[in-house]
Amino acid sequence: ELRESATAALAAMGPRAYPSLRAAAAGEE
């Protein structure tokens, strides 16, 4: 549920979250 709510919140932030999402996409988890 925490993963789902975080995903929804980041989607609502749109492009402002993009740099952080790029860093996460290059992670290991």
mmCIF file of all heavy atoms, coordinates in Angstrom:
data_MODEL
# 
_entry.id   MODEL 
# 
loop_
_atom_site.group_PDB 
_atom_site.id 
_atom_site.type_symbol 
_atom_site.label_atom_id 
_atom_site.label_alt_id 
_atom_site.label_comp_id 
_atom_site.label_asym_id 
_atom_site.label_entity_id 
_atom_site.label_seq_id 
_atom_site.pdbx_PDB_ins_code 
_atom_site.Cartn_x 
_atom_site.Cartn_y 
_atom_site.Cartn_z 
_atom_site.occupancy 
_atom_site.B_iso_or_equiv 
_atom_site.pdbx_formal_charge 
_atom_site.auth_seq_id 
_atom_site.auth_comp_id 
_atom_site.auth_asym_id 
_atom_site.auth_atom_id 
_atom_site.pdbx_PDB_model_num 
ATOM 1   N N   . GLU A 1 1  ? 0.820  -1.205 0.000   1.00 0.00 ? 1  GLU A N   1 
ATOM 2   C CA  . GLU A 1 1  ? 0.000  0.000  0.000   1.00 0.00 ? 1  GLU A CA  1 
ATOM 3   C C   . GLU A 1 1  ? 0.860  1.263  0.000   1.00 0.00 ? 1  GLU A C   1 
ATOM 4   O O   . GLU A 1 1  ? 0.513  2.265  -0.642  1.00 0.00 ? 1  GLU A O   1 
ATOM 5   C CB  . GLU A 1 1  ? -0.955 0.001  1.194   1.00 0.00 ? 1  GLU A CB  1 
ATOM 6   C CG  . GLU A 1 1  ? -2.038 -1.065 1.115   1.00 0.00 ? 1  GLU A CG  1 
ATOM 7   C CD  . GLU A 1 1  ? -3.048 -0.940 2.247   1.00 0.00 ? 1  GLU A CD  1 
ATOM 8   O OE1 . GLU A 1 1  ? -2.888 -0.026 3.091   1.00 0.00 ? 1  GLU A OE1 1 
ATOM 9   O OE2 . GLU A 1 1  ? -3.991 -1.756 2.284   1.00 0.00 ? 1  GLU A OE2 1 
ATOM 10  N N   . LEU A 1 2  ? 1.980  1.221  0.692   1.00 0.00 ? 2  LEU A N   1 
ATOM 11  C CA  . LEU A 1 2  ? 2.886  2.371  0.716   1.00 0.00 ? 2  LEU A CA  1 
ATOM 12  C C   . LEU A 1 2  ? 3.513  2.582  -0.656  1.00 0.00 ? 2  LEU A C   1 
ATOM 13  O O   . LEU A 1 2  ? 3.660  3.721  -1.115  1.00 0.00 ? 2  LEU A O   1 
ATOM 14  C CB  . LEU A 1 2  ? 3.972  2.147  1.772   1.00 0.00 ? 2  LEU A CB  1 
ATOM 15  C CG  . LEU A 1 2  ? 4.837  3.365  2.142   1.00 0.00 ? 2  LEU A CG  1 
ATOM 16  C CD1 . LEU A 1 2  ? 3.966  4.515  2.633   1.00 0.00 ? 2  LEU A CD1 1 
ATOM 17  C CD2 . LEU A 1 2  ? 5.875  2.986  3.185   1.00 0.00 ? 2  LEU A CD2 1 
ATOM 18  N N   . ARG A 1 3  ? 3.864  1.478  -1.323  1.00 0.00 ? 3  ARG A N   1 
ATOM 19  C CA  . ARG A 1 3  ? 4.408  1.587  -2.683  1.00 0.00 ? 3  ARG A CA  1 
ATOM 20  C C   . ARG A 1 3  ? 3.385  2.200  -3.631  1.00 0.00 ? 3  ARG A C   1 
ATOM 21  O O   . ARG A 1 3  ? 3.710  3.056  -4.460  1.00 0.00 ? 3  ARG A O   1 
ATOM 22  C CB  . ARG A 1 3  ? 4.838  0.204  -3.200  1.00 0.00 ? 3  ARG A CB  1 
ATOM 23  C CG  . ARG A 1 3  ? 5.998  -0.428 -2.457  1.00 0.00 ? 3  ARG A CG  1 
ATOM 24  C CD  . ARG A 1 3  ? 6.658  -1.538 -3.285  1.00 0.00 ? 3  ARG A CD  1 
ATOM 25  N NE  . ARG A 1 3  ? 5.733  -2.600 -3.682  1.00 0.00 ? 3  ARG A NE  1 
ATOM 26  C CZ  . ARG A 1 3  ? 5.469  -3.686 -2.970  1.00 0.00 ? 3  ARG A CZ  1 
ATOM 27  N NH1 . ARG A 1 3  ? 6.050  -3.849 -1.777  1.00 0.00 ? 3  ARG A NH1 1 
ATOM 28  N NH2 . ARG A 1 3  ? 4.640  -4.615 -3.425  1.00 0.00 ? 3  ARG A NH2 1 
ATOM 29  N N   . GLU A 1 4  ? 2.131  1.749  -3.497  1.00 0.00 ? 4  GLU A N   1 
ATOM 30  C CA  . GLU A 1 4  ? 1.066  2.249  -4.373  1.00 0.00 ? 4  GLU A CA  1 
ATOM 31  C C   . GLU A 1 4  ? 0.808  3.739  -4.142  1.00 0.00 ? 4  GLU A C   1 
ATOM 32  O O   . GLU A 1 4  ? 0.663  4.524  -5.098  1.00 0.00 ? 4  GLU A O   1 
ATOM 33  C CB  . GLU A 1 4  ? -0.226 1.461  -4.122  1.00 0.00 ? 4  GLU A CB  1 
ATOM 34  C CG  . GLU A 1 4  ? -0.201 0.047  -4.671  1.00 0.00 ? 4  GLU A CG  1 
ATOM 35  C CD  . GLU A 1 4  ? -0.274 0.053  -6.189  1.00 0.00 ? 4  GLU A CD  1 
ATOM 36  O OE1 . GLU A 1 4  ? -1.343 0.353  -6.737  1.00 0.00 ? 4  GLU A OE1 1 
ATOM 37  O OE2 . GLU A 1 4  ? 0.760  -0.254 -6.832  1.00 0.00 ? 4  GLU A OE2 1 
ATOM 38  N N   . SER A 1 5  ? 0.744  4.155  -2.891  1.00 0.00 ? 5  SER A N   1 
ATOM 39  C CA  . SER A 1 5  ? 0.469  5.557  -2.601  1.00 0.00 ? 5  SER A CA  1 
ATOM 40  C C   . SER A 1 5  ? 1.633  6.447  -3.043  1.00 0.00 ? 5  SER A C   1 
ATOM 41  O O   . SER A 1 5  ? 1.419  7.561  -3.544  1.00 0.00 ? 5  SER A O   1 
ATOM 42  C CB  . SER A 1 5  ? 0.194  5.749  -1.107  1.00 0.00 ? 5  SER A CB  1 
ATOM 43  O OG  . SER A 1 5  ? 1.334  5.432  -0.320  1.00 0.00 ? 5  SER A OG  1 
ATOM 44  N N   . ALA A 1 6  ? 2.860  5.955  -2.881  1.00 0.00 ? 6  ALA A N   1 
ATOM 45  C CA  . ALA A 1 6  ? 4.026  6.724  -3.326  1.00 0.00 ? 6  ALA A CA  1 
ATOM 46  C C   . ALA A 1 6  ? 4.023  6.868  -4.845  1.00 0.00 ? 6  ALA A C   1 
ATOM 47  O O   . ALA A 1 6  ? 4.330  7.943  -5.379  1.00 0.00 ? 6  ALA A O   1 
ATOM 48  C CB  . ALA A 1 6  ? 5.312  6.045  -2.855  1.00 0.00 ? 6  ALA A CB  1 
ATOM 49  N N   . THR A 1 7  ? 3.668  5.799  -5.542  1.00 0.00 ? 7  THR A N   1 
ATOM 50  C CA  . THR A 1 7  ? 3.604  5.846  -7.000  1.00 0.00 ? 7  THR A CA  1 
ATOM 51  C C   . THR A 1 7  ? 2.567  6.855  -7.461  1.00 0.00 ? 7  THR A C   1 
ATOM 52  O O   . THR A 1 7  ? 2.812  7.654  -8.378  1.00 0.00 ? 7  THR A O   1 
ATOM 53  C CB  . THR A 1 7  ? 3.265  4.445  -7.564  1.00 0.00 ? 7  THR A CB  1 
ATOM 54  O OG1 . THR A 1 7  ? 4.253  3.517  -7.133  1.00 0.00 ? 7  THR A OG1 1 
ATOM 55  C CG2 . THR A 1 7  ? 3.217  4.471  -9.080  1.00 0.00 ? 7  THR A CG2 1 
ATOM 56  N N   . ALA A 1 8  ? 1.404  6.847  -6.833  1.00 0.00 ? 8  ALA A N   1 
ATOM 57  C CA  . ALA A 1 8  ? 0.339  7.784  -7.201  1.00 0.00 ? 8  ALA A CA  1 
ATOM 58  C C   . ALA A 1 8  ? 0.753  9.225  -6.914  1.00 0.00 ? 8  ALA A C   1 
ATOM 59  O O   . ALA A 1 8  ? 0.481  10.140 -7.718  1.00 0.00 ? 8  ALA A O   1 
ATOM 60  C CB  . ALA A 1 8  ? -0.940 7.438  -6.446  1.00 0.00 ? 8  ALA A CB  1 
ATOM 61  N N   . ALA A 1 9  ? 1.406  9.455  -5.794  1.00 0.00 ? 9  ALA A N   1 
ATOM 62  C CA  . ALA A 1 9  ? 1.825  10.812 -5.431  1.00 0.00 ? 9  ALA A CA  1 
ATOM 63  C C   . ALA A 1 9  ? 2.877  11.343 -6.404  1.00 0.00 ? 9  ALA A C   1 
ATOM 64  O O   . ALA A 1 9  ? 2.835  12.508 -6.816  1.00 0.00 ? 9  ALA A O   1 
ATOM 65  C CB  . ALA A 1 9  ? 2.367  10.825 -4.008  1.00 0.00 ? 9  ALA A CB  1 
ATOM 66  N N   . LEU A 1 10 ? 3.816  10.500 -6.794  1.00 0.00 ? 10 LEU A N   1 
ATOM 67  C CA  . LEU A 1 10 ? 4.844  10.916 -7.745  1.00 0.00 ? 10 LEU A CA  1 
ATOM 68  C C   . LEU A 1 10 ? 4.247  11.169 -9.127  1.00 0.00 ? 10 LEU A C   1 
ATOM 69  O O   . LEU A 1 10 ? 4.671  12.093 -9.835  1.00 0.00 ? 10 LEU A O   1 
ATOM 70  C CB  . LEU A 1 10 ? 5.940  9.862  -7.824  1.00 0.00 ? 10 LEU A CB  1 
ATOM 71  C CG  . LEU A 1 10 ? 6.840  9.769  -6.585  1.00 0.00 ? 10 LEU A CG  1 
ATOM 72  C CD1 . LEU A 1 10 ? 7.668  8.493  -6.618  1.00 0.00 ? 10 LEU A CD1 1 
ATOM 73  C CD2 . LEU A 1 10 ? 7.744  11.005 -6.490  1.00 0.00 ? 10 LEU A CD2 1 
ATOM 74  N N   . ALA A 1 11 ? 3.271  10.376 -9.522  1.00 0.00 ? 11 ALA A N   1 
ATOM 75  C CA  . ALA A 1 11 ? 2.595  10.594 -10.804 1.00 0.00 ? 11 ALA A CA  1 
ATOM 76  C C   . ALA A 1 11 ? 1.896  11.946 -10.807 1.00 0.00 ? 11 ALA A C   1 
ATOM 77  O O   . ALA A 1 11 ? 1.895  12.665 -11.815 1.00 0.00 ? 11 ALA A O   1 
ATOM 78  C CB  . ALA A 1 11 ? 1.598  9.471  -11.075 1.00 0.00 ? 11 ALA A CB  1 
ATOM 79  N N   . ALA A 1 12 ? 1.298  12.322 -9.674  1.00 0.00 ? 12 ALA A N   1 
ATOM 80  C CA  . ALA A 1 12 ? 0.594  13.603 -9.579  1.00 0.00 ? 12 ALA A CA  1 
ATOM 81  C C   . ALA A 1 12 ? 1.567  14.780 -9.654  1.00 0.00 ? 12 ALA A C   1 
ATOM 82  O O   . ALA A 1 12 ? 1.191  15.861 -10.118 1.00 0.00 ? 12 ALA A O   1 
ATOM 83  C CB  . ALA A 1 12 ? -0.191 13.660 -8.265  1.00 0.00 ? 12 ALA A CB  1 
ATOM 84  N N   . MET A 1 13 ? 2.798  14.581 -9.221  1.00 0.00 ? 13 MET A N   1 
ATOM 85  C CA  . MET A 1 13 ? 3.787  15.664 -9.286  1.00 0.00 ? 13 MET A CA  1 
ATOM 86  C C   . MET A 1 13 ? 4.307  15.888 -10.697 1.00 0.00 ? 13 MET A C   1 
ATOM 87  O O   . MET A 1 13 ? 4.883  16.935 -10.996 1.00 0.00 ? 13 MET A O   1 
ATOM 88  C CB  . MET A 1 13 ? 4.949  15.363 -8.345  1.00 0.00 ? 13 MET A CB  1 
ATOM 89  C CG  . MET A 1 13 ? 4.573  15.483 -6.886  1.00 0.00 ? 13 MET A CG  1 
ATOM 90  S SD  . MET A 1 13 ? 5.982  15.161 -5.807  1.00 0.00 ? 13 MET A SD  1 
ATOM 91  C CE  . MET A 1 13 ? 5.261  15.535 -4.210  1.00 0.00 ? 13 MET A CE  1 
ATOM 92  N N   . GLY A 1 14 ? 4.113  14.932 -11.567 1.00 0.00 ? 14 GLY A N   1 
ATOM 93  C CA  . GLY A 1 14 ? 4.468  15.102 -12.971 1.00 0.00 ? 14 GLY A CA  1 
ATOM 94  C C   . GLY A 1 14 ? 5.947  15.352 -13.190 1.00 0.00 ? 14 GLY A C   1 
ATOM 95  O O   . GLY A 1 14 ? 6.812  14.751 -12.535 1.00 0.00 ? 14 GLY A O   1 
ATOM 96  N N   . PRO A 1 15 ? 6.292  16.269 -14.124 1.00 0.00 ? 15 PRO A N   1 
ATOM 97  C CA  . PRO A 1 15 ? 7.692  16.490 -14.497 1.00 0.00 ? 15 PRO A CA  1 
ATOM 98  C C   . PRO A 1 15 ? 8.594  16.910 -13.344 1.00 0.00 ? 15 PRO A C   1 
ATOM 99  O O   . PRO A 1 15 ? 9.795  16.710 -13.411 1.00 0.00 ? 15 PRO A O   1 
ATOM 100 C CB  . PRO A 1 15 ? 7.591  17.612 -15.549 1.00 0.00 ? 15 PRO A CB  1 
ATOM 101 C CG  . PRO A 1 15 ? 6.207  17.510 -16.097 1.00 0.00 ? 15 PRO A CG  1 
ATOM 102 C CD  . PRO A 1 15 ? 5.360  17.066 -14.947 1.00 0.00 ? 15 PRO A CD  1 
ATOM 103 N N   . ARG A 1 16 ? 8.030  17.488 -12.292 1.00 0.00 ? 16 ARG A N   1 
ATOM 104 C CA  . ARG A 1 16 ? 8.870  17.937 -11.176 1.00 0.00 ? 16 ARG A CA  1 
ATOM 105 C C   . ARG A 1 16 ? 9.591  16.762 -10.510 1.00 0.00 ? 16 ARG A C   1 
ATOM 106 O O   . ARG A 1 16 ? 10.648 16.945 -9.903  1.00 0.00 ? 16 ARG A O   1 
ATOM 107 C CB  . ARG A 1 16 ? 8.027  18.697 -10.150 1.00 0.00 ? 16 ARG A CB  1 
ATOM 108 C CG  . ARG A 1 16 ? 7.404  19.964 -10.709 1.00 0.00 ? 16 ARG A CG  1 
ATOM 109 C CD  . ARG A 1 16 ? 6.797  20.819 -9.625  1.00 0.00 ? 16 ARG A CD  1 
ATOM 110 N NE  . ARG A 1 16 ? 5.763  20.141 -8.859  1.00 0.00 ? 16 ARG A NE  1 
ATOM 111 C CZ  . ARG A 1 16 ? 4.516  19.963 -9.266  1.00 0.00 ? 16 ARG A CZ  1 
ATOM 112 N NH1 . ARG A 1 16 ? 4.149  20.375 -10.474 1.00 0.00 ? 16 ARG A NH1 1 
ATOM 113 N NH2 . ARG A 1 16 ? 3.616  19.366 -8.510  1.00 0.00 ? 16 ARG A NH2 1 
ATOM 114 N N   . ALA A 1 17 ? 9.010  15.581 -10.620 1.00 0.00 ? 17 ALA A N   1 
ATOM 115 C CA  . ALA A 1 17 ? 9.638  14.404 -10.022 1.00 0.00 ? 17 ALA A CA  1 
ATOM 116 C C   . ALA A 1 17 ? 10.597 13.702 -10.979 1.00 0.00 ? 17 ALA A C   1 
ATOM 117 O O   . ALA A 1 17 ? 11.274 12.740 -10.581 1.00 0.00 ? 17 ALA A O   1 
ATOM 118 C CB  . ALA A 1 17 ? 8.556  13.419 -9.573  1.00 0.00 ? 17 ALA A CB  1 
ATOM 119 N N   . TYR A 1 18 ? 10.681 14.162 -12.209 1.00 0.00 ? 18 TYR A N   1 
ATOM 120 C CA  . TYR A 1 18 ? 11.435 13.450 -13.248 1.00 0.00 ? 18 TYR A CA  1 
ATOM 121 C C   . TYR A 1 18 ? 12.910 13.216 -12.892 1.00 0.00 ? 18 TYR A C   1 
ATOM 122 O O   . TYR A 1 18 ? 13.405 12.084 -13.019 1.00 0.00 ? 18 TYR A O   1 
ATOM 123 C CB  . TYR A 1 18 ? 11.310 14.190 -14.573 1.00 0.00 ? 18 TYR A CB  1 
ATOM 124 C CG  . TYR A 1 18 ? 12.039 13.561 -15.725 1.00 0.00 ? 18 TYR A CG  1 
ATOM 125 C CD1 . TYR A 1 18 ? 11.653 12.323 -16.233 1.00 0.00 ? 18 TYR A CD1 1 
ATOM 126 C CD2 . TYR A 1 18 ? 13.122 14.199 -16.322 1.00 0.00 ? 18 TYR A CD2 1 
ATOM 127 C CE1 . TYR A 1 18 ? 12.321 11.742 -17.303 1.00 0.00 ? 18 TYR A CE1 1 
ATOM 128 C CE2 . TYR A 1 18 ? 13.799 13.633 -17.388 1.00 0.00 ? 18 TYR A CE2 1 
ATOM 129 C CZ  . TYR A 1 18 ? 13.401 12.407 -17.870 1.00 0.00 ? 18 TYR A CZ  1 
ATOM 130 O OH  . TYR A 1 18 ? 14.058 11.833 -18.922 1.00 0.00 ? 18 TYR A OH  1 
ATOM 131 N N   . PRO A 1 19 ? 13.673 14.251 -12.461 1.00 0.00 ? 19 PRO A N   1 
ATOM 132 C CA  . PRO A 1 19 ? 15.088 13.978 -12.148 1.00 0.00 ? 19 PRO A CA  1 
ATOM 133 C C   . PRO A 1 19 ? 15.276 12.907 -11.088 1.00 0.00 ? 19 PRO A C   1 
ATOM 134 O O   . PRO A 1 19 ? 16.164 12.053 -11.203 1.00 0.00 ? 19 PRO A O   1 
ATOM 135 C CB  . PRO A 1 19 ? 15.598 15.350 -11.663 1.00 0.00 ? 19 PRO A CB  1 
ATOM 136 C CG  . PRO A 1 19 ? 14.694 16.343 -12.316 1.00 0.00 ? 19 PRO A CG  1 
ATOM 137 C CD  . PRO A 1 19 ? 13.344 15.682 -12.326 1.00 0.00 ? 19 PRO A CD  1 
ATOM 138 N N   . SER A 1 20 ? 14.447 12.925 -10.063 1.00 0.00 ? 20 SER A N   1 
ATOM 139 C CA  . SER A 1 20 ? 14.558 11.919 -9.000  1.00 0.00 ? 20 SER A CA  1 
ATOM 140 C C   . SER A 1 20 ? 14.162 10.538 -9.505  1.00 0.00 ? 20 SER A C   1 
ATOM 141 O O   . SER A 1 20 ? 14.749 9.518  -9.106  1.00 0.00 ? 20 SER A O   1 
ATOM 142 C CB  . SER A 1 20 ? 13.680 12.308 -7.808  1.00 0.00 ? 20 SER A CB  1 
ATOM 143 O OG  . SER A 1 20 ? 14.138 13.519 -7.228  1.00 0.00 ? 20 SER A OG  1 
ATOM 144 N N   . LEU A 1 21 ? 13.174 10.482 -10.387 1.00 0.00 ? 21 LEU A N   1 
ATOM 145 C CA  . LEU A 1 21 ? 12.756 9.198  -10.946 1.00 0.00 ? 21 LEU A CA  1 
ATOM 146 C C   . LEU A 1 21 ? 13.850 8.602  -11.835 1.00 0.00 ? 21 LEU A C   1 
ATOM 147 O O   . LEU A 1 21 ? 14.058 7.389  -11.848 1.00 0.00 ? 21 LEU A O   1 
ATOM 148 C CB  . LEU A 1 21 ? 11.464 9.373  -11.751 1.00 0.00 ? 21 LEU A CB  1 
ATOM 149 C CG  . LEU A 1 21 ? 10.199 9.642  -10.930 1.00 0.00 ? 21 LEU A CG  1 
ATOM 150 C CD1 . LEU A 1 21 ? 9.029  9.971  -11.846 1.00 0.00 ? 21 LEU A CD1 1 
ATOM 151 C CD2 . LEU A 1 21 ? 9.858  8.434  -10.055 1.00 0.00 ? 21 LEU A CD2 1 
ATOM 152 N N   . ARG A 1 22 ? 14.557 9.457  -12.555 1.00 0.00 ? 22 ARG A N   1 
ATOM 153 C CA  . ARG A 1 22 ? 15.659 8.961  -13.383 1.00 0.00 ? 22 ARG A CA  1 
ATOM 154 C C   . ARG A 1 22 ? 16.741 8.335  -12.518 1.00 0.00 ? 22 ARG A C   1 
ATOM 155 O O   . ARG A 1 22 ? 17.316 7.284  -12.863 1.00 0.00 ? 22 ARG A O   1 
ATOM 156 C CB  . ARG A 1 22 ? 16.255 10.109 -14.201 1.00 0.00 ? 22 ARG A CB  1 
ATOM 157 C CG  . ARG A 1 22 ? 15.411 10.535 -15.388 1.00 0.00 ? 22 ARG A CG  1 
ATOM 158 C CD  . ARG A 1 22 ? 16.140 11.559 -16.223 1.00 0.00 ? 22 ARG A CD  1 
ATOM 159 N NE  . ARG A 1 22 ? 17.395 11.025 -16.750 1.00 0.00 ? 22 ARG A NE  1 
ATOM 160 C CZ  . ARG A 1 22 ? 18.303 11.756 -17.396 1.00 0.00 ? 22 ARG A CZ  1 
ATOM 161 N NH1 . ARG A 1 22 ? 18.104 13.050 -17.557 1.00 0.00 ? 22 ARG A NH1 1 
ATOM 162 N NH2 . ARG A 1 22 ? 19.395 11.213 -17.867 1.00 0.00 ? 22 ARG A NH2 1 
ATOM 163 N N   . ALA A 1 23 ? 17.025 8.968  -11.395 1.00 0.00 ? 23 ALA A N   1 
ATOM 164 C CA  . ALA A 1 23 ? 18.030 8.414  -10.482 1.00 0.00 ? 23 ALA A CA  1 
ATOM 165 C C   . ALA A 1 23 ? 17.560 7.077  -9.921  1.00 0.00 ? 23 ALA A C   1 
ATOM 166 O O   . ALA A 1 23 ? 18.347 6.120  -9.813  1.00 0.00 ? 23 ALA A O   1 
ATOM 167 C CB  . ALA A 1 23 ? 18.303 9.409  -9.353  1.00 0.00 ? 23 ALA A CB  1 
ATOM 168 N N   . ALA A 1 24 ? 16.260 6.990  -9.585  1.00 0.00 ? 24 ALA A N   1 
ATOM 169 C CA  . ALA A 1 24 ? 15.717 5.735  -9.052  1.00 0.00 ? 24 ALA A CA  1 
ATOM 170 C C   . ALA A 1 24 ? 15.739 4.632  -10.092 1.00 0.00 ? 24 ALA A C   1 
ATOM 171 O O   . ALA A 1 24 ? 15.991 3.462  -9.778  1.00 0.00 ? 24 ALA A O   1 
ATOM 172 C CB  . ALA A 1 24 ? 14.298 5.963  -8.545  1.00 0.00 ? 24 ALA A CB  1 
ATOM 173 N N   . ALA A 1 25 ? 15.484 4.994  -11.356 1.00 0.00 ? 25 ALA A N   1 
ATOM 174 C CA  . ALA A 1 25 ? 15.464 4.001  -12.434 1.00 0.00 ? 25 ALA A CA  1 
ATOM 175 C C   . ALA A 1 25 ? 16.846 3.413  -12.689 1.00 0.00 ? 25 ALA A C   1 
ATOM 176 O O   . ALA A 1 25 ? 16.972 2.329  -13.270 1.00 0.00 ? 25 ALA A O   1 
ATOM 177 C CB  . ALA A 1 25 ? 14.922 4.632  -13.718 1.00 0.00 ? 25 ALA A CB  1 
ATOM 178 N N   . ALA A 1 26 ? 17.883 4.121  -12.265 1.00 0.00 ? 26 ALA A N   1 
ATOM 179 C CA  . ALA A 1 26 ? 19.252 3.616  -12.439 1.00 0.00 ? 26 ALA A CA  1 
ATOM 180 C C   . ALA A 1 26 ? 19.753 2.894  -11.192 1.00 0.00 ? 26 ALA A C   1 
ATOM 181 O O   . ALA A 1 26 ? 20.921 2.503  -11.125 1.00 0.00 ? 26 ALA A O   1 
ATOM 182 C CB  . ALA A 1 26 ? 20.186 4.784  -12.773 1.00 0.00 ? 26 ALA A CB  1 
ATOM 183 N N   . GLY A 1 27 ? 18.867 2.698  -10.208 1.00 0.00 ? 27 GLY A N   1 
ATOM 184 C CA  . GLY A 1 27 ? 19.247 2.057  -8.960  1.00 0.00 ? 27 GLY A CA  1 
ATOM 185 C C   . GLY A 1 27 ? 19.309 0.539  -9.059  1.00 0.00 ? 27 GLY A C   1 
ATOM 186 O O   . GLY A 1 27 ? 19.242 -0.035 -10.152 1.00 0.00 ? 27 GLY A O   1 
ATOM 187 N N   . GLU A 1 28 ? 19.397 -0.098 -7.899  1.00 0.00 ? 28 GLU A N   1 
ATOM 188 C CA  . GLU A 1 28 ? 19.563 -1.556 -7.858  1.00 0.00 ? 28 GLU A CA  1 
ATOM 189 C C   . GLU A 1 28 ? 18.347 -2.275 -7.292  1.00 0.00 ? 28 GLU A C   1 
ATOM 190 O O   . GLU A 1 28 ? 18.246 -3.498 -7.418  1.00 0.00 ? 28 GLU A O   1 
ATOM 191 C CB  . GLU A 1 28 ? 20.804 -1.905 -7.024  1.00 0.00 ? 28 GLU A CB  1 
ATOM 192 C CG  . GLU A 1 28 ? 22.110 -1.353 -7.608  1.00 0.00 ? 28 GLU A CG  1 
ATOM 193 C CD  . GLU A 1 28 ? 23.308 -1.708 -6.760  1.00 0.00 ? 28 GLU A CD  1 
ATOM 194 O OE1 . GLU A 1 28 ? 23.104 -2.319 -5.691  1.00 0.00 ? 28 GLU A OE1 1 
ATOM 195 O OE2 . GLU A 1 28 ? 24.446 -1.379 -7.157  1.00 0.00 ? 28 GLU A OE2 1 
ATOM 196 N N   . GLU A 1 29 ? 17.411 -1.552 -6.644  1.00 0.00 ? 29 GLU A N   1 
ATOM 197 C CA  . GLU A 1 29 ? 16.244 -2.185 -6.053  1.00 0.00 ? 29 GLU A CA  1 
ATOM 198 C C   . GLU A 1 29 ? 15.221 -2.441 -7.159  1.00 0.00 ? 29 GLU A C   1 
ATOM 199 O O   . GLU A 1 29 ? 14.690 -1.511 -7.761  1.00 0.00 ? 29 GLU A O   1 
ATOM 200 C CB  . GLU A 1 29 ? 15.662 -1.265 -4.972  1.00 0.00 ? 29 GLU A CB  1 
ATOM 201 C CG  . GLU A 1 29 ? 15.010 -2.011 -3.817  1.00 0.00 ? 29 GLU A CG  1 
ATOM 202 C CD  . GLU A 1 29 ? 13.736 -2.740 -4.263  1.00 0.00 ? 29 GLU A CD  1 
ATOM 203 O OE1 . GLU A 1 29 ? 12.943 -2.129 -4.999  1.00 0.00 ? 29 GLU A OE1 1 
ATOM 204 O OE2 . GLU A 1 29 ? 13.568 -3.907 -3.865  1.00 0.00 ? 29 GLU A OE2 1 
# 
